[in-house]
């Protein structure tokens, strides 16, 4: 009788750990089944931010911005309209401002100048240039319409590389494309900087201060 009870107790002790194996396996199987069926575990709300930064708290309507045709002071012809269109596209998409035509009322006016366009050589052989770069420098000013103060002044540079081929006409097409791409980079960079100034309230603060000294 004692031997039978002893064997029964030992059998129960051995069988206990096996209870968790099927349950764990079933849980994993259910999770994998849910994921494969398209179910996802999601967490709502804003996630943690690095450095304790807070999300943008802009509550006022976006400022209305006029972008006037840029002045071309470079030796590269016919850039002013193309670059102006790049600026209008990029500022409409990512500056936080509402770009409006000159015929409408606005809060801010952006003017700018294409200062220079250069094409330095990147790589070359003993007989020919292999790769070149276009470098574009643009300066912009943003003026408050009511106070007539310059609230934002920036100088930006964009560049784009291209390979040089034996075909001179094709090289010119590649150079023109690189100049256009560099202009898009400048416009996107300035739009991002403008958005940062707008979110931090720097434009409003600058507008309320005294006129900046002329340079």
C-alpha atoms as a PDB file:
ATOM      1  CA  UNK A   1       0.000   0.000   0.000  1.00  0.00           C
ATOM      2  CA  UNK A   2       2.810   2.395   0.890  1.00  0.00           C
ATOM      3  CA  UNK A   3       4.620   1.515  -2.296  1.00  0.00           C
ATOM      4  CA  UNK A   4       1.536   2.278  -4.357  1.00  0.00           C
ATOM      5  CA  UNK A   5       1.062   5.688  -2.683  1.00  0.00           C
ATOM      6  CA  UNK A   6       4.746   6.461  -3.109  1.00  0.00           C
ATOM      7  CA  UNK A   7       4.647   5.631  -6.803  1.00  0.00           C
ATOM      8  CA  UNK A   8       1.491   7.711  -7.290  1.00  0.00           C
ATOM      9  CA  UNK A   9       3.042  10.744  -5.532  1.00  0.00           C
ATOM     10  CA  UNK A  10       6.229  10.475  -7.570  1.00  0.00           C
ATOM     11  CA  UNK A  11       4.238  10.230 -10.800  1.00  0.00           C
ATOM     12  CA  UNK A  12       2.283  13.448  -9.913  1.00  0.00           C
ATOM     13  CA  UNK A  13       5.483  15.339  -9.165  1.00  0.00           C
ATOM     14  CA  UNK A  14       6.941  14.323 -12.493  1.00  0.00           C
ATOM     15  CA  UNK A  15       3.807  15.204 -14.424  1.00  0.00           C
ATOM     16  CA  UNK A  16       3.432  18.763 -13.025  1.00  0.00           C
ATOM     17  CA  UNK A  17       6.105  20.542 -15.177  1.00  0.00           C
ATOM     18  CA  UNK A  18       4.516  19.227 -18.361  1.00  0.00           C
ATOM     19  CA  UNK A  19       1.334  21.236 -17.649  1.00  0.00           C
ATOM     20  CA  UNK A  20       3.048  24.530 -18.577  1.00  0.00           C
ATOM     21  CA  UNK A  21       4.487  23.378 -21.874  1.00  0.00           C
ATOM     22  CA  UNK A  22       1.172  22.974 -23.730  1.00  0.00           C
ATOM     23  CA  UNK A  23      -0.183  26.274 -22.346  1.00  0.00           C
ATOM     24  CA  UNK A  24       2.922  28.183 -23.422  1.00  0.00           C
ATOM     25  CA  UNK A  25       2.810  26.586 -26.827  1.00  0.00           C
ATOM     26  CA  UNK A  26      -0.890  27.397 -27.225  1.00  0.00           C
ATOM     27  CA  UNK A  27      -0.307  31.052 -26.206  1.00  0.00           C
ATOM     28  CA  UNK A  28       2.478  31.464 -28.765  1.00  0.00           C
ATOM     29  CA  UNK A  29       0.340  29.805 -31.392  1.00  0.00           C
ATOM     30  CA  UNK A  30      -2.555  32.195 -30.702  1.00  0.00           C
ATOM     31  CA  UNK A  31      -0.306  35.284 -30.887  1.00  0.00           C
ATOM     32  CA  UNK A  32       1.215  34.181 -34.173  1.00  0.00           C
ATOM     33  CA  UNK A  33      -2.246  33.435 -35.540  1.00  0.00           C
ATOM     34  CA  UNK A  34      -3.543  36.882 -34.608  1.00  0.00           C
ATOM     35  CA  UNK A  35      -0.566  38.607 -36.208  1.00  0.00           C
ATOM     36  CA  UNK A  36      -0.858  36.583 -39.389  1.00  0.00           C
ATOM     37  CA  UNK A  37      -4.544  37.441 -39.616  1.00  0.00           C
ATOM     38  CA  UNK A  38      -3.794  41.167 -39.609  1.00  0.00           C
ATOM     39  CA  UNK A  39      -4.357  41.954 -35.922  1.00  0.00           C
ATOM     40  CA  UNK A  40      -1.821  44.385 -34.434  1.00  0.00           C
ATOM     41  CA  UNK A  41      -1.201  45.637 -30.943  1.00  0.00           C
ATOM     42  CA  UNK A  42      -1.152  49.420 -31.053  1.00  0.00           C
ATOM     43  CA  UNK A  43      -0.538  52.159 -28.495  1.00  0.00           C
ATOM     44  CA  UNK A  44      -2.386  55.412 -28.910  1.00  0.00           C
ATOM     45  CA  UNK A  45      -1.067  58.841 -28.046  1.00  0.00           C
ATOM     46  CA  UNK A  46       2.242  60.616 -28.603  1.00  0.00           C
ATOM     47  CA  UNK A  47       5.298  58.582 -27.769  1.00  0.00           C
ATOM     48  CA  UNK A  48       8.245  59.685 -25.670  1.00  0.00           C
ATOM     49  CA  UNK A  49      10.463  62.454 -27.037  1.00  0.00           C
ATOM     50  CA  UNK A  50      14.226  62.705 -26.807  1.00  0.00           C
ATOM     51  CA  UNK A  51      15.453  65.453 -24.500  1.00  0.00           C
ATOM     52  CA  UNK A  52      12.001  66.235 -23.153  1.00  0.00           C
ATOM     53  CA  UNK A  53      10.950  68.237 -26.218  1.00  0.00           C
ATOM     54  CA  UNK A  54       7.265  68.865 -26.590  1.00  0.00           C
ATOM     55  CA  UNK A  55       5.194  68.640 -29.733  1.00  0.00           C
ATOM     56  CA  UNK A  56       4.282  71.699 -31.702  1.00  0.00           C
ATOM     57  CA  UNK A  57       1.682  73.805 -29.909  1.00  0.00           C
ATOM     58  CA  UNK A  58       0.701  76.101 -32.759  1.00  0.00           C
ATOM     59  CA  UNK A  59      -2.895  77.160 -32.247  1.00  0.00           C
ATOM     60  CA  UNK A  60      -3.009  80.292 -34.412  1.00  0.00           C
ATOM     61  CA  UNK A  61      -3.856  80.079 -38.108  1.00  0.00           C
ATOM     62  CA  UNK A  62      -0.832  79.826 -40.405  1.00  0.00           C
ATOM     63  CA  UNK A  63       0.588  83.140 -41.572  1.00  0.00           C
ATOM     64  CA  UNK A  64      -0.189  84.149 -45.132  1.00  0.00           C
ATOM     65  CA  UNK A  65       3.056  84.399 -47.087  1.00  0.00           C
ATOM     66  CA  UNK A  66       3.780  86.044 -50.428  1.00  0.00           C
ATOM     67  CA  UNK A  67       6.877  84.787 -52.259  1.00  0.00           C
ATOM     68  CA  UNK A  68       8.027  87.297 -54.812  1.00  0.00           C
ATOM     69  CA  UNK A  69      10.089  86.401 -57.855  1.00  0.00           C
ATOM     70  CA  UNK A  70      13.715  85.947 -56.887  1.00  0.00           C
ATOM     71  CA  UNK A  71      16.380  88.250 -58.286  1.00  0.00           C
ATOM     72  CA  UNK A  72      19.051  86.443 -60.271  1.00  0.00           C
ATOM     73  CA  UNK A  73      22.489  87.907 -59.559  1.00  0.00           C
ATOM     74  CA  UNK A  74      24.356  84.874 -60.887  1.00  0.00           C
ATOM     75  CA  UNK A  75      25.857  84.361 -64.337  1.00  0.00           C
ATOM     76  CA  UNK A  76      23.429  81.490 -65.008  1.00  0.00           C
ATOM     77  CA  UNK A  77      20.452  82.832 -67.001  1.00  0.00           C
ATOM     78  CA  UNK A  78      16.746  82.065 -66.629  1.00  0.00           C
ATOM     79  CA  UNK A  79      16.824  80.718 -63.077  1.00  0.00           C
ATOM     80  CA  UNK A  80      14.633  83.245 -61.295  1.00  0.00           C
ATOM     81  CA  UNK A  81      11.236  81.847 -62.288  1.00  0.00           C
ATOM     82  CA  UNK A  82      12.222  78.207 -61.830  1.00  0.00           C
ATOM     83  CA  UNK A  83      13.712  78.836 -58.406  1.00  0.00           C
ATOM     84  CA  UNK A  84      10.730  80.952 -57.392  1.00  0.00           C
ATOM     85  CA  UNK A  85       8.406  78.086 -58.284  1.00  0.00           C
ATOM     86  CA  UNK A  86      10.555  75.689 -56.250  1.00  0.00           C
ATOM     87  CA  UNK A  87      10.262  78.023 -53.263  1.00  0.00           C
ATOM     88  CA  UNK A  88       6.495  78.290 -53.616  1.00  0.00           C
ATOM     89  CA  UNK A  89       6.130  74.521 -53.838  1.00  0.00           C
ATOM     90  CA  UNK A  90       8.381  73.752 -50.862  1.00  0.00           C
ATOM     91  CA  UNK A  91       7.003  76.508 -48.639  1.00  0.00           C
ATOM     92  CA  UNK A  92       3.449  75.458 -49.426  1.00  0.00           C
ATOM     93  CA  UNK A  93       4.244  71.884 -48.437  1.00  0.00           C
ATOM     94  CA  UNK A  94       6.534  72.203 -45.431  1.00  0.00           C
ATOM     95  CA  UNK A  95       6.981  75.699 -44.001  1.00  0.00           C
ATOM     96  CA  UNK A  96       3.837  75.996 -41.896  1.00  0.00           C
ATOM     97  CA  UNK A  97       2.784  79.073 -43.854  1.00  0.00           C
ATOM     98  CA  UNK A  98       0.021  79.541 -46.382  1.00  0.00           C
ATOM     99  CA  UNK A  99       1.535  80.744 -49.643  1.00  0.00           C
ATOM    100  CA  UNK A 100      -0.766  83.196 -51.399  1.00  0.00           C
ATOM    101  CA  UNK A 101      -0.517  85.207 -54.646  1.00  0.00           C
ATOM    102  CA  UNK A 102       0.710  88.781 -54.566  1.00  0.00           C
ATOM    103  CA  UNK A 103      -2.778  90.026 -55.348  1.00  0.00           C
ATOM    104  CA  UNK A 104      -4.098  88.760 -51.976  1.00  0.00           C
ATOM    105  CA  UNK A 105      -3.628  90.128 -48.473  1.00  0.00           C
ATOM    106  CA  UNK A 106      -0.694  88.604 -46.582  1.00  0.00           C
ATOM    107  CA  UNK A 107       1.097  88.750 -43.249  1.00  0.00           C
ATOM    108  CA  UNK A 108       4.637  88.146 -44.537  1.00  0.00           C
ATOM    109  CA  UNK A 109       6.546  88.758 -47.755  1.00  0.00           C
ATOM    110  CA  UNK A 110       9.564  86.738 -48.838  1.00  0.00           C
ATOM    111  CA  UNK A 111      12.110  88.216 -51.215  1.00  0.00           C
ATOM    112  CA  UNK A 112      15.369  86.644 -52.275  1.00  0.00           C
ATOM    113  CA  UNK A 113      18.418  86.700 -54.486  1.00  0.00           C
ATOM    114  CA  UNK A 114      20.325  83.973 -56.290  1.00  0.00           C
ATOM    115  CA  UNK A 115      23.819  85.104 -55.392  1.00  0.00           C
ATOM    116  CA  UNK A 116      25.959  82.624 -57.284  1.00  0.00           C
ATOM    117  CA  UNK A 117      26.041  79.425 -59.313  1.00  0.00           C
ATOM    118  CA  UNK A 118      29.413  77.720 -59.711  1.00  0.00           C
ATOM    119  CA  UNK A 119      30.395  74.366 -61.238  1.00  0.00           C
ATOM    120  CA  UNK A 120      33.623  73.084 -59.660  1.00  0.00           C
ATOM    121  CA  UNK A 121      35.334  69.886 -60.787  1.00  0.00           C
ATOM    122  CA  UNK A 122      35.173  66.895 -58.461  1.00  0.00           C
ATOM    123  CA  UNK A 123      37.277  64.322 -60.303  1.00  0.00           C
ATOM    124  CA  UNK A 124      39.337  64.320 -63.479  1.00  0.00           C
ATOM    125  CA  UNK A 125      41.872  62.364 -65.471  1.00  0.00           C
ATOM    126  CA  UNK A 126      44.907  63.614 -67.350  1.00  0.00           C
ATOM    127  CA  UNK A 127      42.782  64.415 -70.357  1.00  0.00           C
ATOM    128  CA  UNK A 128      39.230  65.190 -69.197  1.00  0.00           C
ATOM    129  CA  UNK A 129      36.884  66.070 -66.336  1.00  0.00           C
ATOM    130  CA  UNK A 130      35.026  63.048 -64.998  1.00  0.00           C
ATOM    131  CA  UNK A 131      32.639  64.501 -62.422  1.00  0.00           C
ATOM    132  CA  UNK A 132      31.460  68.008 -61.523  1.00  0.00           C
ATOM    133  CA  UNK A 133      29.244  69.670 -58.947  1.00  0.00           C
ATOM    134  CA  UNK A 134      26.821  72.578 -59.091  1.00  0.00           C
ATOM    135  CA  UNK A 135      26.810  74.864 -56.043  1.00  0.00           C
ATOM    136  CA  UNK A 136      24.059  77.448 -55.604  1.00  0.00           C
ATOM    137  CA  UNK A 137      23.896  80.180 -52.960  1.00  0.00           C
ATOM    138  CA  UNK A 138      20.600  81.958 -52.222  1.00  0.00           C
ATOM    139  CA  UNK A 139      19.761  84.695 -49.723  1.00  0.00           C
ATOM    140  CA  UNK A 140      16.195  85.340 -48.559  1.00  0.00           C
ATOM    141  CA  UNK A 141      14.487  87.962 -46.410  1.00  0.00           C
ATOM    142  CA  UNK A 142      11.039  87.750 -44.832  1.00  0.00           C
ATOM    143  CA  UNK A 143       9.350  91.029 -43.967  1.00  0.00           C
ATOM    144  CA  UNK A 144       6.332  91.627 -41.770  1.00  0.00           C
ATOM    145  CA  UNK A 145       3.731  93.480 -43.809  1.00  0.00           C
ATOM    146  CA  UNK A 146       2.298  95.519 -40.937  1.00  0.00           C
ATOM    147  CA  UNK A 147       5.487  96.579 -39.181  1.00  0.00           C
ATOM    148  CA  UNK A 148       7.667  96.517 -42.306  1.00  0.00           C
ATOM    149  CA  UNK A 149      10.394  94.820 -40.286  1.00  0.00           C
ATOM    150  CA  UNK A 150      12.685  92.085 -41.519  1.00  0.00           C
ATOM    151  CA  UNK A 151      11.763  89.198 -39.232  1.00  0.00           C
ATOM    152  CA  UNK A 152      13.849  86.492 -40.881  1.00  0.00           C
ATOM    153  CA  UNK A 153      17.073  86.513 -42.870  1.00  0.00           C
ATOM    154  CA  UNK A 154      18.801  83.396 -44.160  1.00  0.00           C
ATOM    155  CA  UNK A 155      21.645  82.385 -46.444  1.00  0.00           C
ATOM    156  CA  UNK A 156      21.452  78.856 -47.857  1.00  0.00           C
ATOM    157  CA  UNK A 157      23.586  76.718 -50.138  1.00  0.00           C
ATOM    158  CA  UNK A 158      22.580  73.728 -52.239  1.00  0.00           C
ATOM    159  CA  UNK A 159      24.678  71.400 -54.350  1.00  0.00           C
ATOM    160  CA  UNK A 160      24.252  68.489 -56.744  1.00  0.00           C
ATOM    161  CA  UNK A 161      26.789  66.300 -58.563  1.00  0.00           C
ATOM    162  CA  UNK A 162      26.779  64.979 -62.116  1.00  0.00           C
ATOM    163  CA  UNK A 163      29.086  62.887 -64.301  1.00  0.00           C
ATOM    164  CA  UNK A 164      30.715  64.381 -67.369  1.00  0.00           C
ATOM    165  CA  UNK A 165      30.514  62.565 -70.706  1.00  0.00           C
ATOM    166  CA  UNK A 166      32.224  63.144 -74.072  1.00  0.00           C
ATOM    167  CA  UNK A 167      28.935  64.570 -75.393  1.00  0.00           C
ATOM    168  CA  UNK A 168      28.991  68.344 -74.747  1.00  0.00           C
ATOM    169  CA  UNK A 169      25.292  68.835 -75.399  1.00  0.00           C
ATOM    170  CA  UNK A 170      24.376  66.018 -73.039  1.00  0.00           C
ATOM    171  CA  UNK A 171      26.753  67.456 -70.426  1.00  0.00           C
ATOM    172  CA  UNK A 172      24.897  70.745 -70.573  1.00  0.00           C
ATOM    173  CA  UNK A 173      21.607  68.954 -69.998  1.00  0.00           C
ATOM    174  CA  UNK A 174      23.127  67.146 -67.003  1.00  0.00           C
ATOM    175  CA  UNK A 175      24.442  70.434 -65.632  1.00  0.00           C
ATOM    176  CA  UNK A 176      21.060  72.136 -66.016  1.00  0.00           C
ATOM    177  CA  UNK A 177      19.398  69.268 -64.178  1.00  0.00           C
ATOM    178  CA  UNK A 178      21.948  69.475 -61.358  1.00  0.00           C
ATOM    179  CA  UNK A 179      21.376  73.241 -61.050  1.00  0.00           C
ATOM    180  CA  UNK A 180      17.642  72.673 -60.787  1.00  0.00           C
ATOM    181  CA  UNK A 181      18.123  69.943 -58.182  1.00  0.00           C
ATOM    182  CA  UNK A 182      20.401  72.195 -56.139  1.00  0.00           C
ATOM    183  CA  UNK A 183      17.694  74.856 -56.219  1.00  0.00           C
ATOM    184  CA  UNK A 184      15.127  72.384 -54.917  1.00  0.00           C
ATOM    185  CA  UNK A 185      17.488  71.444 -52.074  1.00  0.00           C
ATOM    186  CA  UNK A 186      17.875  75.118 -51.133  1.00  0.00           C
ATOM    187  CA  UNK A 187      14.117  75.688 -51.188  1.00  0.00           C
ATOM    188  CA  UNK A 188      13.416  72.602 -49.044  1.00  0.00           C
ATOM    189  CA  UNK A 189      16.136  73.564 -46.566  1.00  0.00           C
ATOM    190  CA  UNK A 190      14.813  77.101 -46.142  1.00  0.00           C
ATOM    191  CA  UNK A 191      11.227  75.865 -45.795  1.00  0.00           C
ATOM    192  CA  UNK A 192      12.312  73.549 -42.972  1.00  0.00           C
ATOM    193  CA  UNK A 193      14.184  76.374 -41.231  1.00  0.00           C
ATOM    194  CA  UNK A 194      11.171  78.651 -41.580  1.00  0.00           C
ATOM    195  CA  UNK A 195       8.933  76.013 -40.004  1.00  0.00           C
ATOM    196  CA  UNK A 196      11.295  75.749 -37.033  1.00  0.00           C
ATOM    197  CA  UNK A 197      11.271  79.514 -36.552  1.00  0.00           C
ATOM    198  CA  UNK A 198       7.496  79.526 -36.752  1.00  0.00           C
ATOM    199  CA  UNK A 199       7.036  76.700 -34.243  1.00  0.00           C
ATOM    200  CA  UNK A 200       9.403  78.248 -31.703  1.00  0.00           C
ATOM    201  CA  UNK A 201       7.721  81.662 -31.970  1.00  0.00           C
ATOM    202  CA  UNK A 202      10.911  83.365 -33.116  1.00  0.00           C
ATOM    203  CA  UNK A 203       9.183  85.179 -35.976  1.00  0.00           C
ATOM    204  CA  UNK A 204       6.583  86.730 -33.677  1.00  0.00           C
ATOM    205  CA  UNK A 205       9.282  87.762 -31.225  1.00  0.00           C
ATOM    206  CA  UNK A 206      11.398  89.298 -33.959  1.00  0.00           C
ATOM    207  CA  UNK A 207       8.432  91.230 -35.272  1.00  0.00           C
ATOM    208  CA  UNK A 208       7.803  92.809 -31.887  1.00  0.00           C
ATOM    209  CA  UNK A 209      11.422  93.913 -31.447  1.00  0.00           C
ATOM    210  CA  UNK A 210      13.107  96.970 -32.886  1.00  0.00           C
ATOM    211  CA  UNK A 211      14.186  97.137 -36.499  1.00  0.00           C
ATOM    212  CA  UNK A 212      17.399  95.223 -37.217  1.00  0.00           C
ATOM    213  CA  UNK A 213      20.424  97.213 -38.203  1.00  0.00           C
ATOM    214  CA  UNK A 214      21.019  97.339 -41.962  1.00  0.00           C
ATOM    215  CA  UNK A 215      23.843  95.185 -43.285  1.00  0.00           C
END
